[in-house]
PDB file of N, CA and C in Angstrom:
ATOM      1  N   MET A   1     -27.282   9.780   6.454  1.00  0.00           N
ATOM      2  CA  MET A   1     -28.581   9.230   6.162  1.00  0.00           C
ATOM      3  C   MET A   1     -28.658   7.834   6.770  1.00  0.00           C
ATOM      4  N   SER A   2     -29.599   7.603   7.612  1.00  0.00           N
ATOM      5  CA  SER A   2     -29.661   6.342   8.332  1.00  0.00           C
ATOM      6  C   SER A   2     -30.336   5.240   7.530  1.00  0.00           C
ATOM      7  N   GLU A   3     -31.323   5.590   6.711  1.00  0.00           N
ATOM      8  CA  GLU A   3     -32.057   4.577   5.970  1.00  0.00           C
ATOM      9  C   GLU A   3     -32.093   4.950   4.490  1.00  0.00           C
ATOM     10  N   TYR A   4     -31.657   4.049   3.651  1.00  0.00           N
ATOM     11  CA  TYR A   4     -31.620   4.303   2.209  1.00  0.00           C
ATOM     12  C   TYR A   4     -32.910   3.796   1.561  1.00  0.00           C
ATOM     13  N   ARG A   5     -33.337   4.495   0.526  1.00  0.00           N
ATOM     14  CA  ARG A   5     -34.516   4.087  -0.236  1.00  0.00           C
ATOM     15  C   ARG A   5     -34.124   3.961  -1.705  1.00  0.00           C
ATOM     16  N   LEU A   6     -34.918   3.241  -2.456  1.00  0.00           N
ATOM     17  CA  LEU A   6     -34.662   3.098  -3.890  1.00  0.00           C
ATOM     18  C   LEU A   6     -34.688   4.464  -4.550  1.00  0.00           C
ATOM     19  N   GLY A   7     -33.699   4.726  -5.389  1.00  0.00           N
ATOM     20  CA  GLY A   7     -33.627   5.980  -6.108  1.00  0.00           C
ATOM     21  C   GLY A   7     -32.823   7.055  -5.404  1.00  0.00           C
ATOM     22  N   ASP A   8     -32.439   6.848  -4.152  1.00  0.00           N
ATOM     23  CA  ASP A   8     -31.616   7.837  -3.448  1.00  0.00           C
ATOM     24  C   ASP A   8     -30.280   7.999  -4.174  1.00  0.00           C
ATOM     25  N   ILE A   9     -29.743   9.191  -4.135  1.00  0.00           N
ATOM     26  CA  ILE A   9     -28.473   9.490  -4.790  1.00  0.00           C
ATOM     27  C   ILE A   9     -27.361   9.433  -3.740  1.00  0.00           C
ATOM     28  N   ILE A  10     -26.346   8.611  -4.017  1.00  0.00           N
ATOM     29  CA  ILE A  10     -25.203   8.479  -3.118  1.00  0.00           C
ATOM     30  C   ILE A  10     -23.926   8.484  -3.949  1.00  0.00           C
ATOM     31  N   ASP A  11     -22.805   8.722  -3.296  1.00  0.00           N
ATOM     32  CA  ASP A  11     -21.502   8.642  -3.955  1.00  0.00           C
ATOM     33  C   ASP A  11     -20.956   7.230  -3.796  1.00  0.00           C
ATOM     34  N   ASP A  12     -20.336   6.726  -4.854  1.00  0.00           N
ATOM     35  CA  ASP A  12     -19.714   5.417  -4.815  1.00  0.00           C
ATOM     36  C   ASP A  12     -18.660   5.345  -5.919  1.00  0.00           C
ATOM     37  N   TYR A  13     -17.758   4.363  -5.819  1.00  0.00           N
ATOM     38  CA  TYR A  13     -16.736   4.150  -6.843  1.00  0.00           C
ATOM     39  C   TYR A  13     -17.363   3.395  -8.003  1.00  0.00           C
ATOM     40  N   CYS A  14     -17.262   3.950  -9.207  1.00  0.00           N
ATOM     41  CA  CYS A  14     -17.797   3.311 -10.408  1.00  0.00           C
ATOM     42  C   CYS A  14     -16.698   2.473 -11.054  1.00  0.00           C
ATOM     43  N   VAL A  15     -17.009   1.204 -11.316  1.00  0.00           N
ATOM     44  CA  VAL A  15     -16.012   0.304 -11.893  1.00  0.00           C
ATOM     45  C   VAL A  15     -15.761   0.606 -13.363  1.00  0.00           C
ATOM     46  N   ARG A  16     -16.719   1.203 -14.046  1.00  0.00           N
ATOM     47  CA  ARG A  16     -16.522   1.536 -15.455  1.00  0.00           C
ATOM     48  C   ARG A  16     -15.828   2.890 -15.605  1.00  0.00           C
ATOM     49  N   CYS A  17     -16.287   3.889 -14.861  1.00  0.00           N
ATOM     50  CA  CYS A  17     -15.688   5.235 -14.940  1.00  0.00           C
ATOM     51  C   CYS A  17     -14.342   5.306 -14.214  1.00  0.00           C
ATOM     52  N   LYS A  18     -14.131   4.400 -13.266  1.00  0.00           N
ATOM     53  CA  LYS A  18     -12.924   4.357 -12.432  1.00  0.00           C
ATOM     54  C   LYS A  18     -12.764   5.641 -11.614  1.00  0.00           C
ATOM     55  N   ARG A  19     -13.885   6.146 -11.108  1.00  0.00           N
ATOM     56  CA  ARG A  19     -13.904   7.351 -10.271  1.00  0.00           C
ATOM     57  C   ARG A  19     -15.047   7.251  -9.276  1.00  0.00           C
ATOM     58  N   ILE A  20     -14.989   8.087  -8.266  1.00  0.00           N
ATOM     59  CA  ILE A  20     -16.120   8.200  -7.349  1.00  0.00           C
ATOM     60  C   ILE A  20     -17.116   9.155  -7.992  1.00  0.00           C
ATOM     61  N   MET A  21     -18.308   8.635  -8.276  1.00  0.00           N
ATOM     62  CA  MET A  21     -19.337   9.383  -9.008  1.00  0.00           C
ATOM     63  C   MET A  21     -20.662   9.287  -8.261  1.00  0.00           C
ATOM     64  N   ASN A  22     -21.655  10.049  -8.714  1.00  0.00           N
ATOM     65  CA  ASN A  22     -23.013   9.955  -8.192  1.00  0.00           C
ATOM     66  C   ASN A  22     -23.649   8.660  -8.679  1.00  0.00           C
ATOM     67  N   HIS A  23     -24.338   7.978  -7.785  1.00  0.00           N
ATOM     68  CA  HIS A  23     -25.024   6.737  -8.100  1.00  0.00           C
ATOM     69  C   HIS A  23     -26.439   6.790  -7.542  1.00  0.00           C
ATOM     70  N   ALA A  24     -27.335   6.066  -8.175  1.00  0.00           N
ATOM     71  CA  ALA A  24     -28.694   5.899  -7.681  1.00  0.00           C
ATOM     72  C   ALA A  24     -28.799   4.509  -7.070  1.00  0.00           C
ATOM     73  N   VAL A  25     -29.463   4.405  -5.934  1.00  0.00           N
ATOM     74  CA  VAL A  25     -29.644   3.116  -5.273  1.00  0.00           C
ATOM     75  C   VAL A  25     -30.653   2.302  -6.087  1.00  0.00           C
ATOM     76  N   VAL A  26     -30.254   1.075  -6.475  1.00  0.00           N
ATOM     77  CA  VAL A  26     -31.108   0.203  -7.276  1.00  0.00           C
ATOM     78  C   VAL A  26     -31.758  -0.867  -6.408  1.00  0.00           C
ATOM     79  N   SER A  27     -31.012  -1.383  -5.415  1.00  0.00           N
ATOM     80  CA  SER A  27     -31.597  -2.371  -4.501  1.00  0.00           C
ATOM     81  C   SER A  27     -31.042  -2.149  -3.105  1.00  0.00           C
ATOM     82  N   VAL A  28     -31.874  -2.487  -2.114  1.00  0.00           N
ATOM     83  CA  VAL A  28     -31.532  -2.298  -0.703  1.00  0.00           C
ATOM     84  C   VAL A  28     -31.650  -3.639  -0.004  1.00  0.00           C
ATOM     85  N   LEU A  29     -30.655  -3.950   0.832  1.00  0.00           N
ATOM     86  CA  LEU A  29     -30.652  -5.189   1.591  1.00  0.00           C
ATOM     87  C   LEU A  29     -30.224  -4.864   3.015  1.00  0.00           C
ATOM     88  N   ASN A  30     -31.065  -5.170   3.985  1.00  0.00           N
ATOM     89  CA  ASN A  30     -30.792  -4.874   5.398  1.00  0.00           C
ATOM     90  C   ASN A  30     -30.501  -3.386   5.622  1.00  0.00           C
ATOM     91  N   ARG A  31     -31.319  -2.546   5.008  1.00  0.00           N
ATOM     92  CA  ARG A  31     -31.222  -1.087   5.143  1.00  0.00           C
ATOM     93  C   ARG A  31     -29.919  -0.499   4.611  1.00  0.00           C
ATOM     94  N   GLU A  32     -29.174  -1.263   3.844  1.00  0.00           N
ATOM     95  CA  GLU A  32     -27.942  -0.810   3.204  1.00  0.00           C
ATOM     96  C   GLU A  32     -28.097  -0.976   1.700  1.00  0.00           C
ATOM     97  N   PRO A  33     -27.525  -0.074   0.896  1.00  0.00           N
ATOM     98  CA  PRO A  33     -27.591  -0.260  -0.554  1.00  0.00           C
ATOM     99  C   PRO A  33     -26.827  -1.520  -0.957  1.00  0.00           C
ATOM    100  N   ALA A  34     -27.438  -2.344  -1.784  1.00  0.00           N
ATOM    101  CA  ALA A  34     -26.779  -3.559  -2.267  1.00  0.00           C
ATOM    102  C   ALA A  34     -26.252  -3.337  -3.681  1.00  0.00           C
ATOM    103  N   LYS A  35     -27.063  -2.753  -4.541  1.00  0.00           N
ATOM    104  CA  LYS A  35     -26.666  -2.462  -5.920  1.00  0.00           C
ATOM    105  C   LYS A  35     -26.945  -0.994  -6.200  1.00  0.00           C
ATOM    106  N   VAL A  36     -26.073  -0.409  -7.025  1.00  0.00           N
ATOM    107  CA  VAL A  36     -26.222   0.993  -7.398  1.00  0.00           C
ATOM    108  C   VAL A  36     -26.029   1.134  -8.906  1.00  0.00           C
ATOM    109  N   ARG A  37     -26.538   2.233  -9.463  1.00  0.00           N
ATOM    110  CA  ARG A  37     -26.393   2.528 -10.895  1.00  0.00           C
ATOM    111  C   ARG A  37     -25.702   3.877 -11.029  1.00  0.00           C
ATOM    112  N   CYS A  38     -24.621   3.899 -11.789  1.00  0.00           N
ATOM    113  CA  CYS A  38     -23.880   5.137 -12.012  1.00  0.00           C
ATOM    114  C   CYS A  38     -24.753   6.080 -12.829  1.00  0.00           C
ATOM    115  N   ARG A  39     -24.845   7.326 -12.410  1.00  0.00           N
ATOM    116  CA  ARG A  39     -25.663   8.301 -13.121  1.00  0.00           C
ATOM    117  C   ARG A  39     -24.913   8.892 -14.318  1.00  0.00           C
ATOM    118  N   THR A  40     -23.629   8.573 -14.478  1.00  0.00           N
ATOM    119  CA  THR A  40     -22.860   9.069 -15.612  1.00  0.00           C
ATOM    120  C   THR A  40     -22.839   8.055 -16.755  1.00  0.00           C
ATOM    121  N   CYS A  41     -22.452   6.815 -16.460  1.00  0.00           N
ATOM    122  CA  CYS A  41     -22.341   5.802 -17.520  1.00  0.00           C
ATOM    123  C   CYS A  41     -23.477   4.787 -17.495  1.00  0.00           C
ATOM    124  N   HIS A  42     -24.353   4.837 -16.499  1.00  0.00           N
ATOM    125  CA  HIS A  42     -25.539   3.974 -16.368  1.00  0.00           C
ATOM    126  C   HIS A  42     -25.189   2.496 -16.189  1.00  0.00           C
ATOM    127  N   SER A  43     -24.050   2.190 -15.596  1.00  0.00           N
ATOM    128  CA  SER A  43     -23.713   0.790 -15.332  1.00  0.00           C
ATOM    129  C   SER A  43     -24.153   0.428 -13.915  1.00  0.00           C
ATOM    130  N   ASP A  44     -24.642  -0.801 -13.750  1.00  0.00           N
ATOM    131  CA  ASP A  44     -25.060  -1.305 -12.441  1.00  0.00           C
ATOM    132  C   ASP A  44     -23.922  -2.127 -11.849  1.00  0.00           C
ATOM    133  N   HIS A  45     -23.712  -1.982 -10.547  1.00  0.00           N
ATOM    134  CA  HIS A  45     -22.703  -2.793  -9.854  1.00  0.00           C
ATOM    135  C   HIS A  45     -23.014  -2.817  -8.370  1.00  0.00           C
ATOM    136  N   ASP A  46     -22.295  -3.672  -7.640  1.00  0.00           N
ATOM    137  CA  ASP A  46     -22.458  -3.758  -6.188  1.00  0.00           C
ATOM    138  C   ASP A  46     -22.011  -2.454  -5.547  1.00  0.00           C
ATOM    139  N   TYR A  47     -22.616  -2.138  -4.427  1.00  0.00           N
ATOM    140  CA  TYR A  47     -22.230  -0.946  -3.672  1.00  0.00           C
ATOM    141  C   TYR A  47     -20.870  -1.187  -3.033  1.00  0.00           C
ATOM    142  N   ARG A  48     -19.922  -0.306  -3.266  1.00  0.00           N
ATOM    143  CA  ARG A  48     -18.539  -0.482  -2.812  1.00  0.00           C
ATOM    144  C   ARG A  48     -18.158   0.427  -1.651  1.00  0.00           C
ATOM    145  N   ARG A  49     -19.073   1.197  -1.140  1.00  0.00           N
ATOM    146  CA  ARG A  49     -18.844   2.096   0.004  1.00  0.00           C
ATOM    147  C   ARG A  49     -17.713   3.088  -0.258  1.00  0.00           C
ATOM    148  N   GLU A  50     -17.638   3.598  -1.467  1.00  0.00           N
ATOM    149  CA  GLU A  50     -16.659   4.612  -1.878  1.00  0.00           C
ATOM    150  C   GLU A  50     -15.213   4.171  -1.732  1.00  0.00           C
ATOM    151  N   GLN A  51     -14.954   2.874  -1.713  1.00  0.00           N
ATOM    152  CA  GLN A  51     -13.588   2.370  -1.560  1.00  0.00           C
ATOM    153  C   GLN A  51     -13.015   2.017  -2.930  1.00  0.00           C
ATOM    154  N   VAL A  52     -11.889   2.617  -3.247  1.00  0.00           N
ATOM    155  CA  VAL A  52     -11.211   2.358  -4.511  1.00  0.00           C
ATOM    156  C   VAL A  52     -10.425   1.053  -4.355  1.00  0.00           C
ATOM    157  N   PRO A  53     -10.628   0.076  -5.258  1.00  0.00           N
ATOM    158  CA  PRO A  53      -9.877  -1.178  -5.135  1.00  0.00           C
ATOM    159  C   PRO A  53      -8.404  -0.947  -5.436  1.00  0.00           C
ATOM    160  N   PRO A  54      -7.509  -1.704  -4.795  1.00  0.00           N
ATOM    161  CA  PRO A  54      -6.077  -1.550  -5.080  1.00  0.00           C
ATOM    162  C   PRO A  54      -5.761  -1.986  -6.504  1.00  0.00           C
ATOM    163  N   SER A  55      -4.743  -1.379  -7.080  1.00  0.00           N
ATOM    164  CA  SER A  55      -4.367  -1.734  -8.452  1.00  0.00           C
ATOM    165  C   SER A  55      -3.739  -3.123  -8.483  1.00  0.00           C
ATOM    166  N   LYS A  56      -3.789  -3.752  -9.653  1.00  0.00           N
ATOM    167  CA  LYS A  56      -3.234  -5.096  -9.787  1.00  0.00           C
ATOM    168  C   LYS A  56      -1.730  -5.101  -9.584  1.00  0.00           C
ATOM    169  N   GLY A  57      -1.060  -4.022  -9.972  1.00  0.00           N
ATOM    170  CA  GLY A  57       0.387  -3.923  -9.764  1.00  0.00           C
ATOM    171  C   GLY A  57       0.740  -3.903  -8.296  1.00  0.00           C
ATOM    172  N   ASP A  58      -0.040  -3.167  -7.492  1.00  0.00           N
ATOM    173  CA  ASP A  58       0.212  -3.126  -6.054  1.00  0.00           C
ATOM    174  C   ASP A  58      -0.006  -4.488  -5.417  1.00  0.00           C
ATOM    175  N   LEU A  59      -1.024  -5.218  -5.884  1.00  0.00           N
ATOM    176  CA  LEU A  59      -1.280  -6.554  -5.344  1.00  0.00           C
ATOM    177  C   LEU A  59      -0.137  -7.509  -5.668  1.00  0.00           C
ATOM    178  N   ARG A  60       0.398  -7.417  -6.902  1.00  0.00           N
ATOM    179  CA  ARG A  60       1.524  -8.281  -7.279  1.00  0.00           C
ATOM    180  C   ARG A  60       2.767  -7.957  -6.456  1.00  0.00           C
ATOM    181  N   LYS A  61       3.034  -6.666  -6.259  1.00  0.00           N
ATOM    182  CA  LYS A  61       4.199  -6.273  -5.469  1.00  0.00           C
ATOM    183  C   LYS A  61       4.084  -6.775  -4.043  1.00  0.00           C
ATOM    184  N   ALA A  62       2.899  -6.667  -3.460  1.00  0.00           N
ATOM    185  CA  ALA A  62       2.690  -7.135  -2.091  1.00  0.00           C
ATOM    186  C   ALA A  62       2.878  -8.645  -2.000  1.00  0.00           C
ATOM    187  N   ALA A  63       2.390  -9.382  -2.991  1.00  0.00           N
ATOM    188  CA  ALA A  63       2.537 -10.838  -2.985  1.00  0.00           C
ATOM    189  C   ALA A  63       4.006 -11.236  -3.109  1.00  0.00           C
ATOM    190  N   LEU A  64       4.752 -10.578  -3.978  1.00  0.00           N
ATOM    191  CA  LEU A  64       6.177 -10.883  -4.127  1.00  0.00           C
ATOM    192  C   LEU A  64       6.952 -10.543  -2.861  1.00  0.00           C
ATOM    193  N   PHE A  65       6.619  -9.431  -2.234  1.00  0.00           N
ATOM    194  CA  PHE A  65       7.292  -9.036  -1.004  1.00  0.00           C
ATOM    195  C   PHE A  65       7.040 -10.065   0.097  1.00  0.00           C
ATOM    196  N   GLN A  66       5.805 -10.541   0.223  1.00  0.00           N
ATOM    197  CA  GLN A  66       5.496 -11.558   1.228  1.00  0.00           C
ATOM    198  C   GLN A  66       6.236 -12.860   0.935  1.00  0.00           C
ATOM    199  N   GLU A  67       6.384 -13.205  -0.342  1.00  0.00           N
ATOM    200  CA  GLU A  67       7.108 -14.416  -0.716  1.00  0.00           C
ATOM    201  C   GLU A  67       8.582 -14.320  -0.319  1.00  0.00           C
ATOM    202  N   VAL A  68       9.169 -13.159  -0.522  1.00  0.00           N
ATOM    203  CA  VAL A  68      10.568 -12.956  -0.144  1.00  0.00           C
ATOM    204  C   VAL A  68      10.721 -13.033   1.368  1.00  0.00           C
ATOM    205  N   LEU A  69       9.790 -12.422   2.103  1.00  0.00           N
ATOM    206  CA  LEU A  69       9.873 -12.470   3.559  1.00  0.00           C
ATOM    207  C   LEU A  69       9.750 -13.890   4.089  1.00  0.00           C
ATOM    208  N   LYS A  70       8.912 -14.712   3.448  1.00  0.00           N
ATOM    209  CA  LYS A  70       8.763 -16.098   3.892  1.00  0.00           C
ATOM    210  C   LYS A  70      10.026 -16.901   3.637  1.00  0.00           C
ATOM    211  N   SER A  71      10.753 -16.592   2.549  1.00  0.00           N
ATOM    212  CA  SER A  71      11.936 -17.374   2.191  1.00  0.00           C
ATOM    213  C   SER A  71      13.137 -17.051   3.082  1.00  0.00           C
ATOM    214  N   VAL A  72      13.125 -15.901   3.724  1.00  0.00           N
ATOM    215  CA  VAL A  72      14.239 -15.506   4.590  1.00  0.00           C
ATOM    216  C   VAL A  72      13.936 -15.960   6.012  1.00  0.00           C
ATOM    217  N   SER A  73      14.827 -16.764   6.575  1.00  0.00           N
ATOM    218  CA  SER A  73      14.625 -17.201   7.959  1.00  0.00           C
ATOM    219  C   SER A  73      15.228 -16.170   8.908  1.00  0.00           C
ATOM    220  N   PRO A  74      14.698 -16.041  10.111  1.00  0.00           N
ATOM    221  CA  PRO A  74      15.223 -15.042  11.053  1.00  0.00           C
ATOM    222  C   PRO A  74      16.688 -15.271  11.416  1.00  0.00           C
ATOM    223  N   ASP A  75      17.120 -16.536  11.535  1.00  0.00           N
ATOM    224  CA  ASP A  75      18.510 -16.822  11.891  1.00  0.00           C
ATOM    225  C   ASP A  75      19.464 -16.366  10.792  1.00  0.00           C
ATOM    226  N   ALA A  76      19.094 -16.618   9.556  1.00  0.00           N
ATOM    227  CA  ALA A  76      19.951 -16.225   8.429  1.00  0.00           C
ATOM    228  C   ALA A  76      20.014 -14.708   8.313  1.00  0.00           C
ATOM    229  N   ALA A  77      18.915 -14.047   8.571  1.00  0.00           N
ATOM    230  CA  ALA A  77      18.889 -12.591   8.487  1.00  0.00           C
ATOM    231  C   ALA A  77      19.768 -11.971   9.567  1.00  0.00           C
ATOM    232  N   MET A  78      19.748 -12.529  10.783  1.00  0.00           N
ATOM    233  CA  MET A  78      20.579 -11.989  11.872  1.00  0.00           C
ATOM    234  C   MET A  78      22.056 -12.249  11.587  1.00  0.00           C
ATOM    235  N   ALA A  79      22.403 -13.427  11.062  1.00  0.00           N
ATOM    236  CA  ALA A  79      23.792 -13.744  10.749  1.00  0.00           C
ATOM    237  C   ALA A  79      24.300 -12.819   9.642  1.00  0.00           C
ATOM    238  N   GLU A  80      23.472 -12.563   8.666  1.00  0.00           N
ATOM    239  CA  GLU A  80      23.860 -11.682   7.564  1.00  0.00           C
ATOM    240  C   GLU A  80      24.060 -10.252   8.068  1.00  0.00           C
ATOM    241  N   ALA A  81      23.209  -9.813   8.985  1.00  0.00           N
ATOM    242  CA  ALA A  81      23.342  -8.469   9.545  1.00  0.00           C
ATOM    243  C   ALA A  81      24.632  -8.357  10.359  1.00  0.00           C
ATOM    244  N   ALA A  82      25.018  -9.412  11.075  1.00  0.00           N
ATOM    245  CA  ALA A  82      26.238  -9.391  11.874  1.00  0.00           C
ATOM    246  C   ALA A  82      27.466  -9.313  10.964  1.00  0.00           C
ATOM    247  N   VAL A  83      27.450 -10.035   9.848  1.00  0.00           N
ATOM    248  CA  VAL A  83      28.570 -10.014   8.910  1.00  0.00           C
ATOM    249  C   VAL A  83      28.710  -8.627   8.297  1.00  0.00           C
ATOM    250  N   LEU A  84      27.599  -8.019   7.971  1.00  0.00           N
ATOM    251  CA  LEU A  84      27.646  -6.686   7.378  1.00  0.00           C
ATOM    252  C   LEU A  84      28.091  -5.632   8.393  1.00  0.00           C
ATOM    253  N   ALA A  85      27.786  -5.838   9.662  1.00  0.00           N
ATOM    254  CA  ALA A  85      28.131  -4.855  10.686  1.00  0.00           C
ATOM    255  C   ALA A  85      29.620  -4.887  11.035  1.00  0.00           C
ATOM    256  N   ASP A  86      30.257  -6.049  11.005  1.00  0.00           N
ATOM    257  CA  ASP A  86      31.657  -6.168  11.396  1.00  0.00           C
ATOM    258  C   ASP A  86      32.599  -5.337  10.519  1.00  0.00           C
ATOM    259  N   PRO A  87      32.554  -5.396   9.203  1.00  0.00           N
ATOM    260  CA  PRO A  87      33.485  -4.585   8.396  1.00  0.00           C
ATOM    261  C   PRO A  87      33.292  -3.085   8.614  1.00  0.00           C
ATOM    262  N   ILE A  88      32.100  -2.653   8.860  1.00  0.00           N
ATOM    263  CA  ILE A  88      31.840  -1.234   9.090  1.00  0.00           C
ATOM    264  C   ILE A  88      32.514  -0.782  10.380  1.00  0.00           C
ATOM    265  N   VAL A  89      32.436  -1.626  11.417  1.00  0.00           N
ATOM    266  CA  VAL A  89      33.059  -1.282  12.698  1.00  0.00           C
ATOM    267  C   VAL A  89      34.574  -1.243  12.552  1.00  0.00           C
ATOM    268  N   GLU A  90      35.161  -2.173  11.782  1.00  0.00           N
ATOM    269  CA  GLU A  90      36.604  -2.213  11.617  1.00  0.00           C
ATOM    270  C   GLU A  90      37.103  -1.073  10.744  1.00  0.00           C
ATOM    271  N   GLU A  91      36.358  -0.649   9.767  1.00  0.00           N
ATOM    272  CA  GLU A  91      36.794   0.404   8.868  1.00  0.00           C
ATOM    273  C   GLU A  91      36.735   1.778   9.520  1.00  0.00           C
ATOM    274  N   ALA A  92      35.869   1.968  10.461  1.00  0.00           N
ATOM    275  CA  ALA A  92      35.703   3.281  11.075  1.00  0.00           C
ATOM    276  C   ALA A  92      36.991   3.733  11.788  1.00  0.00           C
ATOM    277  N   PRO A  93      37.654   2.896  12.620  1.00  0.00           N
ATOM    278  CA  PRO A  93      38.890   3.355  13.250  1.00  0.00           C
ATOM    279  C   PRO A  93      39.996   3.652  12.235  1.00  0.00           C
ATOM    280  N   LYS A  94      40.085   2.891  11.150  1.00  0.00           N
ATOM    281  CA  LYS A  94      41.099   3.143  10.125  1.00  0.00           C
ATOM    282  C   LYS A  94      40.867   4.496   9.471  1.00  0.00           C
ATOM    283  N   ALA A  95      39.626   4.823   9.206  1.00  0.00           N
ATOM    284  CA  ALA A  95      39.304   6.106   8.585  1.00  0.00           C
ATOM    285  C   ALA A  95      39.646   7.258   9.531  1.00  0.00           C
ATOM    286  N   LYS A  96      39.406   7.073  10.831  1.00  0.00           N
ATOM    287  CA  LYS A  96      39.732   8.116  11.805  1.00  0.00           C
ATOM    288  C   LYS A  96      41.240   8.320  11.885  1.00  0.00           C
ATOM    289  N   ALA A  97      42.011   7.211  11.819  1.00  0.00           N
ATOM    290  CA  ALA A  97      43.473   7.309  11.887  1.00  0.00           C
ATOM    291  C   ALA A  97      44.014   8.047  10.666  1.00  0.00           C
ATOM    292  N   LYS A  98      43.471   7.776   9.499  1.00  0.00           N
ATOM    293  CA  LYS A  98      43.903   8.472   8.287  1.00  0.00           C
ATOM    294  C   LYS A  98      43.587   9.950   8.370  1.00  0.00           C
ATOM    295  N   ALA A  99      42.414  10.271   8.921  1.00  0.00           N
ATOM    296  CA  ALA A  99      42.019  11.673   9.041  1.00  0.00           C
ATOM    297  C   ALA A  99      42.950  12.405  10.010  1.00  0.00           C
ATOM    298  N   LYS A 100      43.351  11.742  11.090  1.00  0.00           N
ATOM    299  CA  LYS A 100      44.260  12.353  12.052  1.00  0.00           C
ATOM    300  C   LYS A 100      45.632  12.591  11.404  1.00  0.00           C
ATOM    301  N   ALA A 101      46.094  11.611  10.612  1.00  0.00           N
ATOM    302  CA  ALA A 101      47.415  11.734   9.966  1.00  0.00           C
ATOM    303  C   ALA A 101      47.404  12.890   8.979  1.00  0.00           C
ATOM    304  N   LYS A 102      46.337  13.075   8.246  1.00  0.00           N
ATOM    305  CA  LYS A 102      46.249  14.197   7.314  1.00  0.00           C
ATOM    306  C   LYS A 102      46.207  15.506   8.063  1.00  0.00           C
ATOM    307  N   GLY A 103      45.541  15.529   9.164  1.00  0.00           N
ATOM    308  CA  GLY A 103      45.418  16.767   9.943  1.00  0.00           C
ATOM    309  C   GLY A 103      46.744  17.183  10.565  1.00  0.00           C
ATOM    310  N   LYS A 104      47.588  16.219  10.966  1.00  0.00           N
ATOM    311  CA  LYS A 104      48.883  16.544  11.583  1.00  0.00           C
ATOM    312  C   LYS A 104      49.835  17.141  10.562  1.00  0.00           C
ATOM    313  N   GLY A 105      49.783  16.693   9.348  1.00  0.00           N
ATOM    314  CA  GLY A 105      50.683  17.189   8.323  1.00  0.00           C
ATOM    315  C   GLY A 105      50.389  18.645   7.953  1.00  0.00           C
ATOM    316  N   ARG A 106      49.188  19.092   8.146  1.00  0.00           N
ATOM    317  CA  ARG A 106      48.806  20.444   7.749  1.00  0.00           C
ATOM    318  C   ARG A 106      49.188  21.478   8.812  1.00  0.00           C
ATOM    319  N   ASN A 107      49.334  21.086  10.040  1.00  0.00           N
ATOM    320  CA  ASN A 107      49.635  22.033  11.109  1.00  0.00           C
ATOM    321  C   ASN A 107      51.035  22.449  11.004  1.00  0.00           C
TER     322      ASN A 107
END
């Protein structure tokens, strides 16, 4: 539908019902719905274009993750990765030698 009129029925996310429900257009601004009224609970709110807002828990997790990323410097992260990689490389040949020794005893 290219042009909305007052009273047209559209789908939108209802902030009270917390679902995408049928809404009636209450006001139009620049040929776009500005305010809508839920036909189920009769609450008026801004037109949200059927987009469900992110939960508060997800927003907090994202903020904490960004804070952790800011606190870690690239140089420290690379040095830490190098330290973790060295013991793995050294342990691999020892494990292979033990496996060979066990295999020789069985033959």
